[in-house]
Protein backbone atom coordinates (compact mmCIF):
# COMPACT_ATOMS: atom_id res chain seq x y z
CA MET A 1 110.67 128.36 67.30
CA TYR A 2 109.96 132.07 67.45
CA PRO A 3 112.91 134.36 66.69
CA THR A 4 114.38 136.81 69.16
CA PHE A 5 114.05 140.54 68.54
CA ALA A 6 117.61 140.61 67.21
CA GLU A 7 116.93 137.72 64.83
CA TYR A 8 113.70 139.32 63.63
CA ARG A 9 115.41 142.65 62.98
CA ASN A 10 118.04 140.83 60.94
CA GLN A 11 115.29 139.15 58.90
CA LEU A 12 113.79 142.58 58.19
CA ARG A 13 117.18 143.90 57.14
CA LEU A 14 117.72 141.01 54.72
CA ALA A 15 114.24 141.45 53.23
CA ASP A 16 114.70 145.21 52.78
CA ALA A 17 118.06 145.10 51.00
CA GLU A 18 117.83 147.18 47.84
CA GLU A 19 120.25 145.09 45.79
CA ALA A 20 118.89 141.66 44.89
CA LYS A 21 122.23 139.92 45.52
CA TYR A 22 122.08 140.95 49.19
CA ARG A 23 118.33 140.41 49.61
CA ASP A 24 116.74 137.29 51.10
CA VAL A 25 113.05 137.44 52.02
CA ARG A 26 112.78 133.76 52.90
CA PRO A 27 113.66 133.99 56.65
CA LEU A 28 111.16 136.82 57.18
CA MET A 29 108.38 135.09 55.26
CA GLN A 30 108.98 131.81 57.09
CA THR A 31 108.67 133.65 60.40
CA LEU A 32 105.46 135.39 59.33
CA GLN A 33 104.01 132.04 58.27
CA LEU A 34 104.99 130.66 61.68
CA PHE A 35 103.06 133.49 63.34
CA ALA A 36 99.96 132.75 61.24
CA ASN A 37 100.10 129.02 62.00
CA THR A 38 100.94 129.25 65.72
CA ASN A 39 98.69 132.00 67.07
CA PRO A 40 95.08 130.71 67.04
CA ARG A 41 93.61 134.21 67.35
CA LEU A 42 95.65 135.43 64.41
CA ARG A 43 94.64 132.37 62.43
CA GLY A 44 91.00 133.19 63.16
CA HIS A 45 91.43 136.80 62.02
CA ILE A 46 92.98 135.59 58.77
CA LEU A 47 90.13 133.12 58.27
CA THR A 48 87.67 136.00 58.76
CA ARG A 49 89.28 137.94 55.92
CA GLN A 50 89.58 134.87 53.71
CA THR A 51 85.93 133.93 54.22
CA ALA A 52 84.78 137.49 53.53
CA VAL A 53 86.19 137.09 50.01
CA SER A 54 85.67 133.41 49.21
CA SER A 55 82.03 133.38 50.33
CA ARG A 56 80.97 136.36 48.21
CA PRO A 57 78.87 135.67 45.11
CA TRP A 58 80.45 136.69 41.83
CA ARG A 59 79.75 136.85 38.12
CA LEU A 60 81.50 137.29 34.79
CA GLU A 61 80.40 140.01 32.41
CA ALA A 62 81.00 140.41 28.67
CA PRO A 63 79.16 141.88 25.67
CA ASP A 64 78.46 138.36 24.42
CA ASP A 65 76.51 136.24 26.90
CA SER A 66 77.62 133.00 25.23
CA ILE A 67 81.26 133.86 25.97
CA VAL A 68 80.36 134.41 29.60
CA GLU A 69 78.66 131.03 29.91
CA THR A 70 81.66 129.30 28.34
CA ALA A 71 84.15 131.16 30.52
CA VAL A 72 82.25 130.36 33.72
CA GLN A 73 82.23 126.69 32.78
CA ASP A 74 85.95 126.70 32.02
CA LEU A 75 87.15 128.83 34.93
CA ARG A 76 84.82 128.15 37.85
CA LYS A 77 87.18 125.81 39.75
CA THR A 78 90.23 127.97 39.14
CA ILE A 79 88.43 131.10 40.29
CA ALA A 80 87.23 129.30 43.44
CA THR A 81 90.83 128.38 44.29
CA LEU A 82 92.01 131.94 43.68
CA LEU A 83 89.30 133.31 45.97
CA GLN A 84 90.64 131.06 48.73
CA THR A 85 94.30 132.02 48.23
CA THR A 86 94.53 135.67 47.17
CA ILE A 87 94.42 136.66 50.86
CA THR A 88 98.17 135.97 50.71
CA LEU A 89 98.63 139.29 48.88
CA PRO A 90 97.54 141.69 51.65
CA LEU A 91 98.90 139.49 54.42
CA TYR A 92 102.40 138.97 53.01
CA GLY A 93 102.55 141.61 50.30
CA VAL A 94 103.03 139.13 47.44
CA PHE A 95 101.13 136.37 45.63
CA ALA A 96 101.81 133.91 42.81
CA VAL A 97 100.39 130.71 41.33
CA LYS A 98 101.54 128.50 38.48
CA LEU A 99 99.01 127.48 35.83
CA GLN A 100 98.79 124.61 33.40
CA TRP A 101 96.58 125.09 30.34
CA GLY A 102 95.00 122.03 28.79
CA LEU A 103 93.59 122.03 25.27
CA THR A 104 90.49 120.12 24.24
CA ASP A 105 88.06 122.25 22.27
CA ARG A 106 89.33 125.26 24.26
CA TRP A 107 92.26 126.18 26.47
CA ARG A 108 91.32 125.61 30.11
CA PRO A 109 93.52 126.39 33.14
CA GLN A 110 94.42 124.31 36.14
CA ILE A 111 96.38 125.62 39.13
CA LEU A 112 99.50 123.51 39.57
CA THR A 113 101.16 125.40 42.42
CA VAL A 114 100.08 128.00 44.93
CA TYR A 115 103.42 129.41 45.99
CA ARG A 116 104.12 129.94 49.65
CA PRO A 117 105.18 133.45 50.65
CA ASP A 118 108.75 132.23 51.27
CA GLN A 119 108.92 130.96 47.67
CA ILE A 120 108.25 134.33 46.03
CA GLU A 121 109.35 137.94 46.40
CA ARG A 122 108.60 141.37 45.03
CA TYR A 123 111.72 141.65 42.90
CA ASP A 124 111.38 145.34 42.07
CA ASP A 125 108.60 147.88 41.52
CA THR A 126 107.33 146.05 38.43
CA SER A 127 107.79 142.31 38.88
CA VAL A 128 107.58 139.24 41.09
CA ALA A 129 110.21 136.51 41.20
CA ILE A 130 109.98 132.80 42.03
CA LEU A 131 112.72 131.78 44.50
CA SER A 132 114.65 128.53 44.42
CA SER A 133 116.04 126.83 47.52
CA ASP A 134 119.38 128.62 46.99
CA ASN A 135 117.64 132.00 46.54
CA ASN A 136 118.07 132.15 42.79
CA ARG A 137 115.30 134.05 41.07
CA GLN A 138 113.02 133.45 38.11
CA ILE A 139 111.37 136.76 37.26
CA ILE A 140 107.76 136.34 36.11
CA ASP A 141 106.74 138.07 32.90
CA PRO A 142 103.20 139.49 33.39
CA ASP A 143 102.31 138.23 29.89
CA ASP A 144 103.43 134.68 30.67
CA THR A 145 100.22 132.64 30.69
CA ALA A 146 101.86 130.05 32.96
CA TYR A 147 101.72 132.38 35.96
CA LEU A 148 99.52 134.78 37.88
CA ALA A 149 101.40 137.10 40.22
CA ALA A 150 100.76 140.28 42.17
CA PHE A 151 102.53 142.39 44.78
CA GLN A 152 102.06 145.39 47.01
CA HIS A 153 104.39 148.35 47.10
CA GLY A 154 106.14 149.36 50.28
CA GLN A 155 108.13 147.26 52.70
CA ARG A 156 108.13 143.53 52.05
CA GLY A 157 106.08 141.41 54.41
CA GLY A 158 102.59 142.87 54.07
CA ILE A 159 100.30 143.34 57.05
CA LEU A 160 101.87 140.52 59.06
CA ARG A 161 105.18 142.36 59.11
CA ALA A 162 103.55 145.10 61.18
CA ILE A 163 102.65 142.73 64.01
CA GLY A 164 106.02 140.95 64.15
CA HIS A 165 107.40 142.57 67.29
CA LEU A 166 104.03 142.39 69.04
CA GLU A 167 103.65 138.70 68.19
CA ILE A 168 107.10 137.89 69.60
CA ILE A 169 106.19 139.72 72.82
CA ARG A 170 102.82 137.93 72.96
CA TYR A 171 104.51 134.55 72.60
CA ASP A 172 107.10 135.31 75.31
CA ILE A 173 104.48 136.73 77.68
CA THR A 174 102.26 133.66 77.22
CA LEU A 175 105.15 131.38 78.20
CA GLU A 176 105.98 133.59 81.16
CA TRP A 177 102.35 133.58 82.30
CA ALA A 178 102.20 129.78 82.08
CA ASN A 179 105.39 129.55 84.14
CA TYR A 180 103.96 132.06 86.62
CA ALA A 181 100.76 130.01 86.94
CA ARG A 182 102.83 126.97 87.90
CA LYS A 183 104.50 129.00 90.63
CA LEU A 184 101.10 129.89 92.10
CA LYS A 185 100.96 126.35 93.45
CA GLY A 186 103.80 127.34 95.74
CA ILE A 187 106.49 125.01 97.05
CA ILE A 188 106.55 122.50 99.86
CA GLN A 189 109.43 122.48 102.32
CA GLY A 190 110.21 119.26 104.11
CA ILE A 191 111.81 119.59 107.54
CA ASP A 192 113.76 116.60 108.82
CA ARG A 193 113.67 116.49 112.61
CA GLY A 194 115.86 113.39 112.95
CA ALA A 195 114.12 110.83 110.73
CA ASP A 196 116.07 107.90 109.35
CA ASP A 197 116.46 107.05 105.65
CA LYS A 198 113.36 104.84 105.59
CA GLU A 199 111.16 107.52 107.14
CA ARG A 200 112.48 110.13 104.70
CA SER A 201 111.81 107.81 101.76
CA LEU A 202 108.25 107.15 102.94
CA ALA A 203 107.69 110.88 103.42
CA GLU A 204 108.85 111.64 99.91
CA GLU A 205 106.53 108.98 98.47
CA ALA A 206 103.62 110.28 100.55
CA LEU A 207 104.20 113.79 99.27
CA ARG A 208 104.28 112.61 95.65
CA THR A 209 100.89 110.92 96.04
CA ALA A 210 99.29 113.56 98.29
CA LEU A 211 97.41 115.26 95.45
CA LEU A 212 96.07 111.90 94.26
CA HIS A 213 94.82 110.72 97.64
CA ASN A 214 94.27 114.15 99.23
CA TYR A 215 96.06 113.08 102.42
CA LEU A 216 99.47 111.90 103.57
CA ILE A 217 100.88 110.07 106.59
CA THR A 218 104.37 110.77 107.88
CA SER A 219 106.45 110.27 110.98
CA ASP A 220 106.33 113.04 113.59
CA LEU A 221 110.02 113.49 112.76
CA ILE A 222 109.06 114.84 109.32
CA ASP A 223 107.31 118.18 109.01
CA PHE A 224 105.97 119.90 105.89
CA ARG A 225 105.56 123.64 105.38
CA PHE A 226 103.82 125.23 102.40
CA HIS A 227 105.18 128.48 100.97
CA GLN A 228 103.58 130.82 98.45
CA ILE A 229 106.19 132.24 96.08
CA ALA A 230 103.90 134.23 93.76
CA SER A 231 100.85 136.40 94.30
CA ALA A 232 97.69 135.56 92.35
CA SER A 233 96.79 139.25 92.15
CA SER A 234 99.94 139.95 90.13
CA SER A 235 98.66 137.85 87.22
CA ALA A 236 96.43 140.77 86.22
CA ALA A 237 99.50 142.46 84.70
CA PHE A 238 99.97 139.51 82.34
CA ARG A 239 96.28 139.52 81.41
CA ASP A 240 96.18 143.25 80.71
CA LEU A 241 99.32 143.17 78.59
CA LEU A 242 98.11 140.19 76.57
CA GLU A 243 94.73 141.83 76.03
CA MET A 244 96.42 144.98 74.74
CA ILE A 245 98.63 142.96 72.37
CA ASN A 246 95.72 140.84 71.13
CA ASN A 247 93.68 143.97 70.46
CA SER A 248 96.55 145.60 68.59
CA ILE A 249 97.01 142.50 66.41
CA ALA A 250 93.27 142.38 65.69
CA ILE A 251 93.35 146.03 64.67
CA ALA A 252 96.27 145.40 62.31
CA ILE A 253 94.65 142.39 60.66
CA LEU A 254 90.98 143.36 60.70
CA GLY A 255 91.55 147.06 60.09
CA GLN A 256 89.17 148.53 62.68
CA ALA A 257 90.15 149.97 66.06
CA ASN A 258 86.89 148.86 67.68
CA THR A 259 86.83 145.34 66.25
CA PRO A 260 87.92 143.49 69.39
CA GLU A 261 86.37 146.03 71.71
CA LEU A 262 82.62 145.60 71.25
CA PRO A 263 80.64 146.61 74.35
CA LYS A 264 80.77 143.80 76.89
CA ARG A 265 77.20 144.58 77.99
CA GLY A 266 75.89 146.04 74.75
CA GLY A 267 72.94 144.67 72.84
CA SER A 268 73.52 141.96 70.26
CA ARG A 269 71.88 144.09 67.59
CA ALA A 270 74.42 146.91 68.07
CA ALA A 271 77.29 144.43 68.10
CA LEU A 272 76.07 142.77 64.92
CA GLN A 273 75.73 146.11 63.13
CA VAL A 274 79.30 147.02 64.07
CA GLN A 275 80.52 143.64 62.83
CA GLN A 276 78.68 144.10 59.53
CA MET A 277 80.31 147.48 58.96
CA ILE A 278 83.71 146.05 59.86
CA SER A 279 83.26 143.09 57.50
CA ALA A 280 82.45 145.42 54.62
CA ASP A 281 85.43 147.64 55.41
CA ILE A 282 88.13 145.00 55.85
CA ALA A 283 86.99 143.04 52.79
CA LEU A 284 87.30 146.01 50.43
CA GLN A 285 91.02 145.79 49.73
CA ASP A 286 90.86 141.98 49.63
CA VAL A 287 88.03 142.17 47.09
CA ARG A 288 90.03 144.54 44.91
CA ALA A 289 93.11 142.32 45.08
CA ALA A 290 91.14 139.20 44.15
CA THR A 291 89.35 141.04 41.33
CA ASP A 292 92.61 142.25 39.78
CA ILE A 293 94.20 138.80 39.92
CA ILE A 294 91.17 137.02 38.46
CA ASN A 295 90.85 139.61 35.69
CA HIS A 296 94.49 138.88 34.86
CA LEU A 297 93.50 135.22 34.53
CA LEU A 298 90.67 136.25 32.20
CA LEU A 299 93.15 138.16 30.04
CA HIS A 300 95.27 135.01 29.69
CA TYR A 301 92.12 133.02 28.93
CA TYR A 302 90.91 135.48 26.28
CA ARG A 303 94.29 135.67 24.58
CA LEU A 304 94.64 131.90 24.35
CA ASN A 305 91.10 131.28 23.11
CA TYR A 306 90.09 134.39 21.17
CA ASP A 307 92.70 137.05 20.45
CA ARG A 308 96.37 136.48 21.25
CA ASN A 309 97.20 140.18 20.71
CA ALA A 310 94.43 141.61 22.90
CA ASP A 311 95.49 144.29 25.39
CA THR A 312 92.43 143.74 27.56
CA SER A 313 89.76 141.11 27.94
CA PRO A 314 86.10 141.95 27.34
CA ILE A 315 85.30 139.28 29.95
CA GLN A 316 85.46 140.87 33.37
CA PHE A 317 85.12 139.44 36.86
CA GLN A 318 82.94 141.22 39.41
CA PHE A 319 81.70 140.46 42.87
CA THR A 320 77.94 140.63 43.27
CA GLU A 321 76.82 143.17 45.81
CA VAL A 322 74.79 141.74 48.65
CA ALA A 323 72.01 143.94 49.99
CA ALA A 324 72.49 144.93 53.61
CA VAL A 325 70.01 143.54 56.11
CA ASP A 326 67.98 146.20 57.95
CA LEU A 327 67.74 144.72 61.44
CA ALA A 328 65.45 147.50 62.66
CA GLU A 329 62.97 146.72 59.91
CA ILE A 330 63.06 143.01 60.74
CA ALA A 331 62.47 143.75 64.42
CA ASP A 332 59.49 145.97 63.60
CA THR A 333 58.05 143.29 61.32
CA LEU A 334 58.33 140.69 64.08
CA ALA A 335 56.60 143.06 66.50
CA ALA A 336 53.72 143.50 64.04
CA ILE A 337 53.38 139.74 63.61
CA ALA A 338 53.41 139.17 67.36
CA SER A 339 50.59 141.69 67.80
CA VAL A 340 48.20 139.72 65.60
CA THR A 341 45.44 138.31 67.80
CA ASP A 342 45.26 134.85 66.22
CA VAL A 343 48.93 134.11 66.85
CA SER A 344 49.37 131.56 69.62
CA ALA A 345 50.93 132.54 72.92
CA GLU A 346 53.90 130.26 72.23
CA ALA A 347 54.47 131.89 68.84
CA GLN A 348 54.24 135.35 70.37
CA LEU A 349 56.87 134.44 72.97
CA LEU A 350 59.17 133.05 70.29
CA LEU A 351 58.80 136.15 68.08
CA GLU A 352 59.43 138.43 71.03
CA HIS A 353 62.54 136.47 71.94
CA ILE A 354 63.92 136.77 68.40
CA ARG A 355 63.07 140.47 68.33
CA SER A 356 64.91 141.07 71.62
CA LYS A 357 68.04 139.45 70.16
CA LEU A 358 68.03 141.97 67.33
CA GLN A 359 67.92 144.95 69.68
């Protein structure tokens, strides 16, 4: 159940308390998780950001190539899980996982727990704490190899906090619109002009089945009148308000003012180019967050397997840059192919069709 404005403001107040003994981030984080799980559009925006990170190619680098090969073998599964889950950091402002290290010929990690946002908090400006059910805290030491944790400065709640009031309005407006749509059917008034109990009973039954059979039979002592109690034209106000809210939420999550506002009649090539630029822009902070967390894992790994006193790890995680696709060049190439005389008419039509989609 979505909170009211008053309840949400109280959750913000609890999460923002400076003294830990008065602070409780759990109600706020539970509400933000509810938003992410209930609103399908919001869920799609989050999936966009998550996919932009988890689908990127990556590599490990180190002065010794043999160390890199070993590290990739040992850490591939753990890194894949982290790439799927580090989106929690920008969305909620905090992230933590618990690790278990197994020893065979080397120490290898396994992720035991990916903590939910309501199970962790930014304790202060230097540390993250694990929360128990009674809000007791276990502060994570950054050098503790059993954990990986990260946080963002500023108000607790991350990006999702910024859309809280809008999401509550969106939810209420959606319910109101659904209720309004039911009223568009109008109401039916039955007028009794002296019918007896049997005739009234038959009239009521006929009315209940009228939509099924598309007709009804009643006594001439029973009359029905249909009344419209809501105007269909007024529903535009609901639509416009919801569109504005949805756009504002998309801007907050995807980070671009024109993300949800691509030209309705623009070419697909222009739309695709805008989307490509947006994808690169919104993924930047997520890429940096994931890189920092994974490099922290590599520091734990290097300390356990090579040098327990190392301040940094020579093994570093990096995303591999993907070359941008020049759609104009592809379109020109297709045009050149289509102009070749020995290309069949069917092939020319197909190439022209593909070329038109890129413009």
